[in-house]
PDB file of N, CA and C in Angstrom:
ATOM      1  N   UNK A   1      -0.945  -9.493  17.152  1.00  0.00           N
ATOM      2  CA  UNK A   1      -0.136 -10.480  15.867  1.00  0.00           C
ATOM      3  C   UNK A   1      -0.598 -10.426  14.855  1.00  0.00           C
ATOM      4  N   UNK A   2      -1.293  -9.965  14.867  1.00  0.00           N
ATOM      5  CA  UNK A   2      -2.071  -9.411  12.567  1.00  0.00           C
ATOM      6  C   UNK A   2      -1.550  -7.904  12.805  1.00  0.00           C
ATOM      7  N   UNK A   3      -0.968  -7.085  13.814  1.00  0.00           N
ATOM      8  CA  UNK A   3      -0.905  -6.220  13.808  1.00  0.00           C
ATOM      9  C   UNK A   3       0.644  -6.784  13.239  1.00  0.00           C
ATOM     10  N   UNK A   4       1.454  -7.445  14.087  1.00  0.00           N
ATOM     11  CA  UNK A   4       2.970  -7.245  13.453  1.00  0.00           C
ATOM     12  C   UNK A   4       3.004  -7.429  12.317  1.00  0.00           C
ATOM     13  N   UNK A   5       2.142  -8.742  11.192  1.00  0.00           N
ATOM     14  CA  UNK A   5       1.570  -9.022  10.422  1.00  0.00           C
ATOM     15  C   UNK A   5       2.222  -7.618   9.718  1.00  0.00           C
ATOM     16  N   UNK A   6       0.905  -7.336   9.783  1.00  0.00           N
ATOM     17  CA  UNK A   6       0.563  -5.786   8.831  1.00  0.00           C
ATOM     18  C   UNK A   6       1.853  -5.148   8.470  1.00  0.00           C
ATOM     19  N   UNK A   7       1.544  -4.999   9.862  1.00  0.00           N
ATOM     20  CA  UNK A   7       3.182  -3.602  10.333  1.00  0.00           C
ATOM     21  C   UNK A   7       4.144  -3.904   8.811  1.00  0.00           C
ATOM     22  N   UNK A   8       5.299  -5.211   9.572  1.00  0.00           N
ATOM     23  CA  UNK A   8       6.322  -6.242   8.227  1.00  0.00           C
ATOM     24  C   UNK A   8       5.218  -5.904   7.079  1.00  0.00           C
ATOM     25  N   UNK A   9       4.087  -6.995   6.673  1.00  0.00           N
ATOM     26  CA  UNK A   9       4.011  -5.923   5.347  1.00  0.00           C
ATOM     27  C   UNK A   9       3.953  -5.057   4.936  1.00  0.00           C
ATOM     28  N   UNK A  10       3.447  -4.311   5.582  1.00  0.00           N
ATOM     29  CA  UNK A  10       3.663  -3.060   5.408  1.00  0.00           C
ATOM     30  C   UNK A  10       4.372  -2.189   5.465  1.00  0.00           C
ATOM     31  N   UNK A  11       5.760  -2.502   5.978  1.00  0.00           N
ATOM     32  CA  UNK A  11       7.249  -2.311   5.217  1.00  0.00           C
ATOM     33  C   UNK A  11       7.622  -2.917   4.401  1.00  0.00           C
ATOM     34  N   UNK A  12       7.261  -4.111   4.396  1.00  0.00           N
ATOM     35  CA  UNK A  12       8.291  -4.445   3.141  1.00  0.00           C
ATOM     36  C   UNK A  12       7.558  -4.129   2.204  1.00  0.00           C
ATOM     37  N   UNK A  13       6.444  -3.746   1.002  1.00  0.00           N
ATOM     38  CA  UNK A  13       5.591  -2.966   0.602  1.00  0.00           C
ATOM     39  C   UNK A  13       5.977  -1.644  -0.092  1.00  0.00           C
ATOM     40  N   UNK A  14       6.050  -0.609   0.764  1.00  0.00           N
ATOM     41  CA  UNK A  14       6.686   0.271   1.070  1.00  0.00           C
ATOM     42  C   UNK A  14       8.822   0.240   0.384  1.00  0.00           C
ATOM     43  N   UNK A  15       8.788  -0.658   1.010  1.00  0.00           N
ATOM     44  CA  UNK A  15      10.703  -1.332   0.366  1.00  0.00           C
ATOM     45  C   UNK A  15      10.194  -0.993  -1.109  1.00  0.00           C
ATOM     46  N   UNK A  16       9.043  -2.133  -1.537  1.00  0.00           N
ATOM     47  CA  UNK A  16       8.708  -2.777  -2.967  1.00  0.00           C
ATOM     48  C   UNK A  16       8.934  -1.382  -3.420  1.00  0.00           C
ATOM     49  N   UNK A  17       7.912  -1.037  -2.835  1.00  0.00           N
ATOM     50  CA  UNK A  17       7.747   0.268  -3.912  1.00  0.00           C
ATOM     51  C   UNK A  17       9.187   1.145  -4.326  1.00  0.00           C
ATOM     52  N   UNK A  18       9.268   1.862  -3.369  1.00  0.00           N
ATOM     53  CA  UNK A  18      10.726   2.669  -3.031  1.00  0.00           C
ATOM     54  C   UNK A  18      11.784   2.289  -4.538  1.00  0.00           C
ATOM     55  N   UNK A  19      11.286   0.851  -4.509  1.00  0.00           N
ATOM     56  CA  UNK A  19      12.846   0.959  -5.387  1.00  0.00           C
ATOM     57  C   UNK A  19      11.995   0.738  -7.019  1.00  0.00           C
ATOM     58  N   UNK A  20      10.938   0.589  -6.647  1.00  0.00           N
ATOM     59  CA  UNK A  20      10.396   0.121  -7.662  1.00  0.00           C
ATOM     60  C   UNK A  20       9.591   1.925  -8.941  1.00  0.00           C
ATOM     61  N   UNK A  21       9.814   2.782  -7.752  1.00  0.00           N
ATOM     62  CA  UNK A  21       9.883   4.129  -8.059  1.00  0.00           C
ATOM     63  C   UNK A  21      10.448   4.679  -8.756  1.00  0.00           C
ATOM     64  N   UNK A  22      12.261   4.204  -7.630  1.00  0.00           N
ATOM     65  CA  UNK A  22      13.338   4.323  -8.133  1.00  0.00           C
ATOM     66  C   UNK A  22      13.599   4.242  -9.913  1.00  0.00           C
ATOM     67  N   UNK A  23      13.058   2.613 -10.342  1.00  0.00           N
ATOM     68  CA  UNK A  23      13.168   1.775 -11.246  1.00  0.00           C
ATOM     69  C   UNK A  23      12.470   3.570 -12.662  1.00  0.00           C
ATOM     70  N   UNK A  24      11.041   3.383 -11.925  1.00  0.00           N
ATOM     71  CA  UNK A  24      10.054   4.657 -12.727  1.00  0.00           C
ATOM     72  C   UNK A  24      11.263   5.354 -13.354  1.00  0.00           C
ATOM     73  N   UNK A  25      11.871   6.453 -12.475  1.00  0.00           N
ATOM     74  CA  UNK A  25      12.204   7.511 -12.985  1.00  0.00           C
ATOM     75  C   UNK A  25      13.393   6.988 -13.789  1.00  0.00           C
ATOM     76  N   UNK A  26      14.488   7.007 -13.589  1.00  0.00           N
ATOM     77  CA  UNK A  26      15.800   5.576 -14.069  1.00  0.00           C
ATOM     78  C   UNK A  26      15.731   5.747 -15.454  1.00  0.00           C
ATOM     79  N   UNK A  27      14.809   4.390 -15.403  1.00  0.00           N
ATOM     80  CA  UNK A  27      14.787   3.618 -16.726  1.00  0.00           C
ATOM     81  C   UNK A  27      13.354   4.579 -17.338  1.00  0.00           C
ATOM     82  N   UNK A  28      12.066   4.398 -16.827  1.00  0.00           N
ATOM     83  CA  UNK A  28      11.108   4.608 -17.555  1.00  0.00           C
ATOM     84  C   UNK A  28      11.113   6.623 -18.096  1.00  0.00           C
ATOM     85  N   UNK A  29      11.868   7.161 -17.200  1.00  0.00           N
ATOM     86  CA  UNK A  29      11.700   8.106 -17.312  1.00  0.00           C
ATOM     87  C   UNK A  29      10.162   8.971 -16.951  1.00  0.00           C
ATOM     88  N   UNK A  30       9.803   8.021 -16.423  1.00  0.00           N
ATOM     89  CA  UNK A  30       8.059   8.645 -15.564  1.00  0.00           C
ATOM     90  C   UNK A  30       8.750   9.348 -14.396  1.00  0.00           C
ATOM     91  N   UNK A  31       7.898  10.479 -14.374  1.00  0.00           N
ATOM     92  CA  UNK A  31       7.954  11.179 -13.887  1.00  0.00           C
ATOM     93  C   UNK A  31       6.637  12.197 -12.606  1.00  0.00           C
ATOM     94  N   UNK A  32       5.799  11.509 -12.899  1.00  0.00           N
ATOM     95  CA  UNK A  32       4.382  12.188 -12.337  1.00  0.00           C
ATOM     96  C   UNK A  32       3.774  11.202 -11.515  1.00  0.00           C
ATOM     97  N   UNK A  33       2.894  10.292 -12.462  1.00  0.00           N
ATOM     98  CA  UNK A  33       2.722   9.329 -11.954  1.00  0.00           C
ATOM     99  C   UNK A  33       3.519   8.743 -10.584  1.00  0.00           C
ATOM    100  N   UNK A  34       4.551   8.152 -11.302  1.00  0.00           N
ATOM    101  CA  UNK A  34       5.243   7.540 -10.414  1.00  0.00           C
ATOM    102  C   UNK A  34       5.491   8.272  -8.290  1.00  0.00           C
ATOM    103  N   UNK A  35       5.581   9.530  -9.007  1.00  0.00           N
ATOM    104  CA  UNK A  35       5.584  10.710  -7.735  1.00  0.00           C
ATOM    105  C   UNK A  35       4.101   9.753  -6.958  1.00  0.00           C
ATOM    106  N   UNK A  36       2.771   9.853  -7.765  1.00  0.00           N
ATOM    107  CA  UNK A  36       1.897   9.746  -6.893  1.00  0.00           C
ATOM    108  C   UNK A  36       2.373   7.939  -6.134  1.00  0.00           C
ATOM    109  N   UNK A  37       2.145   7.508  -7.076  1.00  0.00           N
ATOM    110  CA  UNK A  37       1.769   5.833  -6.654  1.00  0.00           C
ATOM    111  C   UNK A  37       2.911   5.902  -5.823  1.00  0.00           C
ATOM    112  N   UNK A  38       4.760   7.108  -5.399  1.00  0.00           N
ATOM    113  CA  UNK A  38       5.901   6.604  -4.403  1.00  0.00           C
ATOM    114  C   UNK A  38       4.623   6.761  -2.901  1.00  0.00           C
ATOM    115  N   UNK A  39       3.990   7.788  -3.071  1.00  0.00           N
ATOM    116  CA  UNK A  39       2.800   8.757  -2.001  1.00  0.00           C
ATOM    117  C   UNK A  39       2.371   7.516  -1.510  1.00  0.00           C
ATOM    118  N   UNK A  40       1.964   7.301  -2.276  1.00  0.00           N
ATOM    119  CA  UNK A  40      -0.103   6.313  -1.919  1.00  0.00           C
ATOM    120  C   UNK A  40       0.629   4.921  -1.298  1.00  0.00           C
ATOM    121  N   UNK A  41       2.106   4.723  -1.513  1.00  0.00           N
ATOM    122  CA  UNK A  41       2.544   2.915  -1.511  1.00  0.00           C
ATOM    123  C   UNK A  41       3.205   3.838   0.174  1.00  0.00           C
ATOM    124  N   UNK A  42       4.185   4.483  -0.092  1.00  0.00           N
ATOM    125  CA  UNK A  42       4.445   5.059   1.843  1.00  0.00           C
ATOM    126  C   UNK A  42       3.933   5.427   2.246  1.00  0.00           C
ATOM    127  N   UNK A  43       2.672   5.018   1.794  1.00  0.00           N
ATOM    128  CA  UNK A  43       1.520   6.065   3.256  1.00  0.00           C
ATOM    129  C   UNK A  43       0.874   4.778   3.759  1.00  0.00           C
ATOM    130  N   UNK A  44       0.649   3.729   3.111  1.00  0.00           N
ATOM    131  CA  UNK A  44       0.236   2.588   3.380  1.00  0.00           C
ATOM    132  C   UNK A  44       0.504   2.478   5.006  1.00  0.00           C
ATOM    133  N   UNK A  45       2.028   1.993   4.584  1.00  0.00           N
ATOM    134  CA  UNK A  45       2.802   1.322   6.220  1.00  0.00           C
ATOM    135  C   UNK A  45       2.746   2.717   7.438  1.00  0.00           C
ATOM    136  N   UNK A  46       2.901   3.702   6.592  1.00  0.00           N
ATOM    137  CA  UNK A  46       2.751   5.289   7.522  1.00  0.00           C
ATOM    138  C   UNK A  46       1.333   4.957   8.620  1.00  0.00           C
ATOM    139  N   UNK A  47       0.016   5.036   8.013  1.00  0.00           N
ATOM    140  CA  UNK A  47      -1.158   4.939   8.542  1.00  0.00           C
ATOM    141  C   UNK A  47      -1.041   3.319   9.760  1.00  0.00           C
ATOM    142  N   UNK A  48      -1.097   2.231   8.917  1.00  0.00           N
ATOM    143  CA  UNK A  48      -1.128   1.540   9.487  1.00  0.00           C
ATOM    144  C   UNK A  48      -0.011   1.676  10.568  1.00  0.00           C
ATOM    145  N   UNK A  49       1.399   2.392  10.558  1.00  0.00           N
ATOM    146  CA  UNK A  49       1.861   2.747  11.993  1.00  0.00           C
ATOM    147  C   UNK A  49       1.239   3.715  12.575  1.00  0.00           C
ATOM    148  N   UNK A  50       0.646   4.979  12.448  1.00  0.00           N
ATOM    149  CA  UNK A  50      -0.063   5.674  13.272  1.00  0.00           C
ATOM    150  C   UNK A  50      -1.568   4.774  13.890  1.00  0.00           C
ATOM    151  N   UNK A  51      -2.018   3.357  13.606  1.00  0.00           N
ATOM    152  CA  UNK A  51      -3.194   2.434  13.980  1.00  0.00           C
ATOM    153  C   UNK A  51      -2.497   1.986  15.059  1.00  0.00           C
ATOM    154  N   UNK A  52      -1.792   1.396  14.552  1.00  0.00           N
ATOM    155  CA  UNK A  52      -0.416   1.013  15.594  1.00  0.00           C
ATOM    156  C   UNK A  52      -0.879   1.512  17.052  1.00  0.00           C
ATOM    157  N   UNK A  53      -0.672   2.684  16.951  1.00  0.00           N
ATOM    158  CA  UNK A  53      -0.369   3.778  18.261  1.00  0.00           C
ATOM    159  C   UNK A  53      -1.616   5.250  17.937  1.00  0.00           C
ATOM    160  N   UNK A  54      -3.019   3.774  17.956  1.00  0.00           N
ATOM    161  CA  UNK A  54      -4.167   4.917  18.352  1.00  0.00           C
ATOM    162  C   UNK A  54      -4.425   4.934  19.454  1.00  0.00           C
ATOM    163  N   UNK A  55      -5.140   5.952  19.563  1.00  0.00           N
ATOM    164  CA  UNK A  55      -5.574   6.547  20.845  1.00  0.00           C
ATOM    165  C   UNK A  55      -6.971   5.951  21.313  1.00  0.00           C
ATOM    166  N   UNK A  56      -7.385   5.121  20.759  1.00  0.00           N
ATOM    167  CA  UNK A  56      -9.063   4.407  20.995  1.00  0.00           C
ATOM    168  C   UNK A  56      -9.332   3.601  19.592  1.00  0.00           C
ATOM    169  N   UNK A  57     -10.371   2.064  19.960  1.00  0.00           N
ATOM    170  CA  UNK A  57     -10.373   1.037  18.568  1.00  0.00           C
ATOM    171  C   UNK A  57     -11.328   2.079  17.451  1.00  0.00           C
ATOM    172  N   UNK A  58     -12.252   3.339  17.887  1.00  0.00           N
ATOM    173  CA  UNK A  58     -12.249   3.858  16.554  1.00  0.00           C
ATOM    174  C   UNK A  58     -11.749   4.503  15.677  1.00  0.00           C
ATOM    175  N   UNK A  59     -10.434   5.361  16.644  1.00  0.00           N
ATOM    176  CA  UNK A  59      -8.960   5.611  15.921  1.00  0.00           C
ATOM    177  C   UNK A  59      -7.934   4.795  14.945  1.00  0.00           C
ATOM    178  N   UNK A  60      -8.336   3.622  15.899  1.00  0.00           N
ATOM    179  CA  UNK A  60      -7.352   2.449  15.244  1.00  0.00           C
ATOM    180  C   UNK A  60      -7.928   2.245  14.052  1.00  0.00           C
ATOM    181  N   UNK A  61      -9.450   1.963  13.974  1.00  0.00           N
ATOM    182  CA  UNK A  61     -10.432   1.792  12.821  1.00  0.00           C
ATOM    183  C   UNK A  61      -9.617   2.931  11.465  1.00  0.00           C
ATOM    184  N   UNK A  62     -10.526   3.350  11.630  1.00  0.00           N
ATOM    185  CA  UNK A  62      -9.973   5.366  11.125  1.00  0.00           C
ATOM    186  C   UNK A  62      -8.793   5.490  10.729  1.00  0.00           C
ATOM    187  N   UNK A  63      -7.757   4.773  11.006  1.00  0.00           N
ATOM    188  CA  UNK A  63      -6.032   4.768  10.611  1.00  0.00           C
ATOM    189  C   UNK A  63      -6.083   3.567   9.279  1.00  0.00           C
ATOM    190  N   UNK A  64      -6.517   2.500   9.888  1.00  0.00           N
ATOM    191  CA  UNK A  64      -6.076   1.511   9.146  1.00  0.00           C
ATOM    192  C   UNK A  64      -7.061   2.198   7.493  1.00  0.00           C
ATOM    193  N   UNK A  65      -8.670   2.131   7.762  1.00  0.00           N
ATOM    194  CA  UNK A  65      -9.225   2.740   6.777  1.00  0.00           C
ATOM    195  C   UNK A  65      -8.628   3.747   5.682  1.00  0.00           C
ATOM    196  N   UNK A  66      -7.961   4.427   6.319  1.00  0.00           N
ATOM    197  CA  UNK A  66      -7.069   5.503   4.919  1.00  0.00           C
ATOM    198  C   UNK A  66      -5.697   4.385   5.162  1.00  0.00           C
ATOM    199  N   UNK A  67      -5.452   3.755   5.219  1.00  0.00           N
ATOM    200  CA  UNK A  67      -4.441   2.823   5.302  1.00  0.00           C
ATOM    201  C   UNK A  67      -5.143   1.601   3.693  1.00  0.00           C
ATOM    202  N   UNK A  68      -6.425   1.151   4.141  1.00  0.00           N
ATOM    203  CA  UNK A  68      -6.624   0.713   3.203  1.00  0.00           C
ATOM    204  C   UNK A  68      -7.311   1.738   1.940  1.00  0.00           C
ATOM    205  N   UNK A  69      -7.373   2.645   1.567  1.00  0.00           N
ATOM    206  CA  UNK A  69      -7.439   3.336   0.344  1.00  0.00           C
ATOM    207  C   UNK A  69      -6.117   3.743   0.089  1.00  0.00           C
ATOM    208  N   UNK A  70      -5.625   4.178   0.949  1.00  0.00           N
ATOM    209  CA  UNK A  70      -4.002   4.634  -0.395  1.00  0.00           C
ATOM    210  C   UNK A  70      -3.352   3.381  -0.962  1.00  0.00           C
ATOM    211  N   UNK A  71      -4.135   2.218  -0.361  1.00  0.00           N
ATOM    212  CA  UNK A  71      -3.172   0.842  -0.982  1.00  0.00           C
ATOM    213  C   UNK A  71      -4.183   0.411  -1.760  1.00  0.00           C
ATOM    214  N   UNK A  72      -5.363   1.172  -1.782  1.00  0.00           N
ATOM    215  CA  UNK A  72      -6.389   0.260  -3.256  1.00  0.00           C
ATOM    216  C   UNK A  72      -6.125   1.515  -4.341  1.00  0.00           C
ATOM    217  N   UNK A  73      -5.564   3.555  -3.643  1.00  0.00           N
ATOM    218  CA  UNK A  73      -4.897   3.595  -4.955  1.00  0.00           C
ATOM    219  C   UNK A  73      -3.694   3.438  -5.306  1.00  0.00           C
ATOM    220  N   UNK A  74      -2.540   2.845  -4.169  1.00  0.00           N
ATOM    221  CA  UNK A  74      -1.617   2.105  -4.893  1.00  0.00           C
ATOM    222  C   UNK A  74      -2.026   1.441  -6.130  1.00  0.00           C
ATOM    223  N   UNK A  75      -2.808   0.405  -6.654  1.00  0.00           N
ATOM    224  CA  UNK A  75      -3.114  -0.327  -7.279  1.00  0.00           C
ATOM    225  C   UNK A  75      -4.052  -0.003  -8.064  1.00  0.00           C
ATOM    226  N   UNK A  76      -4.113   1.006  -8.500  1.00  0.00           N
ATOM    227  CA  UNK A  76      -4.888   1.905  -9.212  1.00  0.00           C
ATOM    228  C   UNK A  76      -3.600   2.715 -10.146  1.00  0.00           C
ATOM    229  N   UNK A  77      -2.863   3.064  -9.401  1.00  0.00           N
ATOM    230  CA  UNK A  77      -1.066   3.795 -10.366  1.00  0.00           C
ATOM    231  C   UNK A  77      -0.762   2.670 -10.731  1.00  0.00           C
ATOM    232  N   UNK A  78      -0.802   1.243 -10.265  1.00  0.00           N
ATOM    233  CA  UNK A  78      -0.684   0.443 -11.048  1.00  0.00           C
ATOM    234  C   UNK A  78      -0.757   0.036 -12.011  1.00  0.00           C
ATOM    235  N   UNK A  79      -2.019  -0.050 -12.289  1.00  0.00           N
ATOM    236  CA  UNK A  79      -2.921  -0.574 -12.908  1.00  0.00           C
ATOM    237  C   UNK A  79      -3.076   0.796 -14.245  1.00  0.00           C
ATOM    238  N   UNK A  80      -3.315   1.931 -13.847  1.00  0.00           N
ATOM    239  CA  UNK A  80      -2.586   2.892 -14.653  1.00  0.00           C
ATOM    240  C   UNK A  80      -1.029   3.330 -15.863  1.00  0.00           C
ATOM    241  N   UNK A  81      -0.219   2.725 -14.813  1.00  0.00           N
ATOM    242  CA  UNK A  81       0.700   2.415 -14.925  1.00  0.00           C
ATOM    243  C   UNK A  81       1.027   1.534 -16.759  1.00  0.00           C
ATOM    244  N   UNK A  82       0.112  -0.079 -15.860  1.00  0.00           N
ATOM    245  CA  UNK A  82       0.905  -0.929 -16.520  1.00  0.00           C
ATOM    246  C   UNK A  82      -0.055  -0.668 -18.261  1.00  0.00           C
ATOM    247  N   UNK A  83      -1.268  -0.402 -17.793  1.00  0.00           N
ATOM    248  CA  UNK A  83      -2.389  -0.315 -18.904  1.00  0.00           C
ATOM    249  C   UNK A  83      -1.972   0.763 -20.157  1.00  0.00           C
ATOM    250  N   UNK A  84      -1.300   1.843 -19.301  1.00  0.00           N
ATOM    251  CA  UNK A  84      -0.318   2.823 -20.634  1.00  0.00           C
ATOM    252  C   UNK A  84       1.190   2.720 -21.402  1.00  0.00           C
ATOM    253  N   UNK A  85       1.681   1.211 -21.343  1.00  0.00           N
ATOM    254  CA  UNK A  85       2.788   0.859 -21.205  1.00  0.00           C
ATOM    255  C   UNK A  85       3.906   1.283 -20.980  1.00  0.00           C
ATOM    256  N   UNK A  86       3.777   2.139 -19.297  1.00  0.00           N
ATOM    257  CA  UNK A  86       5.019   2.791 -18.995  1.00  0.00           C
ATOM    258  C   UNK A  86       6.262   1.419 -18.173  1.00  0.00           C
ATOM    259  N   UNK A  87       4.726   0.372 -17.693  1.00  0.00           N
ATOM    260  CA  UNK A  87       5.096  -0.932 -16.862  1.00  0.00           C
ATOM    261  C   UNK A  87       4.757  -1.902 -17.604  1.00  0.00           C
ATOM    262  N   UNK A  88       5.773  -3.441 -17.730  1.00  0.00           N
ATOM    263  CA  UNK A  88       5.170  -4.352 -18.387  1.00  0.00           C
ATOM    264  C   UNK A  88       4.492  -4.975 -17.344  1.00  0.00           C
ATOM    265  N   UNK A  89       3.862  -6.462 -18.196  1.00  0.00           N
ATOM    266  CA  UNK A  89       2.970  -7.183 -17.229  1.00  0.00           C
ATOM    267  C   UNK A  89       3.761  -7.829 -16.220  1.00  0.00           C
ATOM    268  N   UNK A  90       5.187  -8.544 -16.454  1.00  0.00           N
ATOM    269  CA  UNK A  90       6.096  -8.590 -15.583  1.00  0.00           C
ATOM    270  C   UNK A  90       5.935  -8.105 -14.394  1.00  0.00           C
ATOM    271  N   UNK A  91       6.210  -6.431 -15.055  1.00  0.00           N
ATOM    272  CA  UNK A  91       7.152  -5.601 -13.546  1.00  0.00           C
ATOM    273  C   UNK A  91       5.944  -5.299 -13.158  1.00  0.00           C
ATOM    274  N   UNK A  92       4.398  -4.981 -13.585  1.00  0.00           N
ATOM    275  CA  UNK A  92       3.486  -5.398 -13.344  1.00  0.00           C
ATOM    276  C   UNK A  92       3.373  -5.916 -12.204  1.00  0.00           C
ATOM    277  N   UNK A  93       3.247  -7.573 -12.300  1.00  0.00           N
ATOM    278  CA  UNK A  93       3.165  -8.885 -11.303  1.00  0.00           C
ATOM    279  C   UNK A  93       4.399  -9.084 -10.574  1.00  0.00           C
ATOM    280  N   UNK A  94       5.419  -8.051  -9.990  1.00  0.00           N
ATOM    281  CA  UNK A  94       6.491  -7.686  -8.415  1.00  0.00           C
ATOM    282  C   UNK A  94       5.730  -7.142  -8.118  1.00  0.00           C
ATOM    283  N   UNK A  95       5.135  -6.132  -8.048  1.00  0.00           N
ATOM    284  CA  UNK A  95       4.423  -5.500  -6.992  1.00  0.00           C
ATOM    285  C   UNK A  95       3.006  -5.876  -6.538  1.00  0.00           C
ATOM    286  N   UNK A  96       2.173  -5.584  -8.026  1.00  0.00           N
ATOM    287  CA  UNK A  96       0.848  -6.142  -7.813  1.00  0.00           C
ATOM    288  C   UNK A  96       0.729  -7.059  -6.854  1.00  0.00           C
ATOM    289  N   UNK A  97       0.969  -8.346  -6.491  1.00  0.00           N
ATOM    290  CA  UNK A  97       0.257  -9.030  -5.758  1.00  0.00           C
ATOM    291  C   UNK A  97       0.826  -8.917  -4.105  1.00  0.00           C
ATOM    292  N   UNK A  98       1.992  -7.871  -3.969  1.00  0.00           N
ATOM    293  CA  UNK A  98       2.055  -8.137  -3.030  1.00  0.00           C
ATOM    294  C   UNK A  98       0.749  -6.378  -2.347  1.00  0.00           C
ATOM    295  N   UNK A  99       0.710  -5.654  -3.118  1.00  0.00           N
ATOM    296  CA  UNK A  99      -0.498  -5.148  -2.520  1.00  0.00           C
ATOM    297  C   UNK A  99      -1.622  -5.399  -2.576  1.00  0.00           C
ATOM    298  N   UNK A 100      -1.936  -6.554  -3.496  1.00  0.00           N
ATOM    299  CA  UNK A 100      -3.313  -7.300  -2.995  1.00  0.00           C
ATOM    300  C   UNK A 100      -3.446  -7.763  -1.757  1.00  0.00           C
ATOM    301  N   UNK A 101      -2.284  -8.321  -1.597  1.00  0.00           N
ATOM    302  CA  UNK A 101      -2.021  -9.431   0.045  1.00  0.00           C
ATOM    303  C   UNK A 101      -2.034  -8.532   1.019  1.00  0.00           C
ATOM    304  N   UNK A 102      -1.837  -6.823   1.330  1.00  0.00           N
ATOM    305  CA  UNK A 102      -1.468  -5.902   1.679  1.00  0.00           C
ATOM    306  C   UNK A 102      -2.989  -5.995   2.124  1.00  0.00           C
ATOM    307  N   UNK A 103      -3.936  -4.909   1.148  1.00  0.00           N
ATOM    308  CA  UNK A 103      -5.101  -4.850   0.904  1.00  0.00           C
ATOM    309  C   UNK A 103      -5.879  -6.436   2.186  1.00  0.00           C
ATOM    310  N   UNK A 104      -5.817  -6.919   2.066  1.00  0.00           N
ATOM    311  CA  UNK A 104      -6.670  -8.376   2.257  1.00  0.00           C
ATOM    312  C   UNK A 104      -6.626  -8.998   3.942  1.00  0.00           C
ATOM    313  N   UNK A 105      -5.553  -8.583   4.284  1.00  0.00           N
ATOM    314  CA  UNK A 105      -5.187  -8.195   5.582  1.00  0.00           C
ATOM    315  C   UNK A 105      -5.619  -7.273   6.008  1.00  0.00           C
ATOM    316  N   UNK A 106      -5.432  -5.505   5.490  1.00  0.00           N
ATOM    317  CA  UNK A 106      -5.935  -4.791   5.993  1.00  0.00           C
ATOM    318  C   UNK A 106      -7.488  -4.803   6.434  1.00  0.00           C
ATOM    319  N   UNK A 107      -7.598  -5.160   5.298  1.00  0.00           N
ATOM    320  CA  UNK A 107      -9.012  -5.040   5.014  1.00  0.00           C
ATOM    321  C   UNK A 107     -10.163  -6.364   6.335  1.00  0.00           C
ATOM    322  N   UNK A 108      -8.976  -6.625   6.273  1.00  0.00           N
ATOM    323  CA  UNK A 108      -9.431  -8.640   6.764  1.00  0.00           C
ATOM    324  C   UNK A 108      -9.174  -7.679   8.911  1.00  0.00           C
ATOM    325  N   UNK A 109      -8.804  -6.871   8.825  1.00  0.00           N
ATOM    326  CA  UNK A 109      -8.160  -6.127  10.883  1.00  0.00           C
ATOM    327  C   UNK A 109      -9.333  -5.568  10.709  1.00  0.00           C
ATOM    328  N   UNK A 110      -9.545  -4.414   9.706  1.00  0.00           N
ATOM    329  CA  UNK A 110     -10.648  -3.278  10.171  1.00  0.00           C
ATOM    330  C   UNK A 110     -11.803  -4.026  10.147  1.00  0.00           C
ATOM    331  N   UNK A 111     -12.118  -5.931   9.192  1.00  0.00           N
ATOM    332  CA  UNK A 111     -13.953  -6.053  10.057  1.00  0.00           C
ATOM    333  C   UNK A 111     -13.760  -6.939  11.810  1.00  0.00           C
ATOM    334  N   UNK A 112     -12.592  -7.615  11.502  1.00  0.00           N
ATOM    335  CA  UNK A 112     -12.655  -7.928  12.881  1.00  0.00           C
ATOM    336  C   UNK A 112     -12.833  -6.880  13.946  1.00  0.00           C
ATOM    337  N   UNK A 113     -12.267  -6.174  14.027  1.00  0.00           N
ATOM    338  CA  UNK A 113     -11.767  -5.299  15.005  1.00  0.00           C
ATOM    339  C   UNK A 113     -13.372  -4.607  14.845  1.00  0.00           C
ATOM    340  N   UNK A 114     -14.343  -3.683  13.966  1.00  0.00           N
ATOM    341  CA  UNK A 114     -15.270  -3.401  13.938  1.00  0.00           C
ATOM    342  C   UNK A 114     -16.270  -4.532  14.362  1.00  0.00           C
ATOM    343  N   UNK A 115     -16.440  -5.800  14.132  1.00  0.00           N
ATOM    344  CA  UNK A 115     -17.249  -6.753  14.917  1.00  0.00           C
ATOM    345  C   UNK A 115     -17.137  -7.011  16.421  1.00  0.00           C
ATOM    346  N   UNK A 116     -15.211  -6.572  16.429  1.00  0.00           N
ATOM    347  CA  UNK A 116     -15.205  -7.043  18.007  1.00  0.00           C
ATOM    348  C   UNK A 116     -15.496  -5.522  18.552  1.00  0.00           C
ATOM    349  N   UNK A 117     -16.313  -4.770  18.455  1.00  0.00           N
ATOM    350  CA  UNK A 117     -16.184  -3.574  19.118  1.00  0.00           C
ATOM    351  C   UNK A 117     -18.069  -3.106  19.468  1.00  0.00           C
TER     352      UNK A 117
END
């Protein structure tokens, strides 16, 4: 059940991230940090998908751990963009809470998986 939730939530995050990236490059003319943001935000869901298709419990945990790191990196990029005034607090708050939610779900799944192995 939680696998399908994280799969859906990470996909929604990627879609939001791509839209956010498009506004960064078109409206803000920011190309360097925004590209790194795009890579990490789309990598979250990609690694969740790999985890769902893992070959073992250890592989599953490993792939989700990568997803966790990518989500945290995405949050870091957003924090940088906000603190350097590329984005407003309002813009920051449109996507950051999604990252927090996805990160919490991923961490929960990792903890549960480790406890069950």
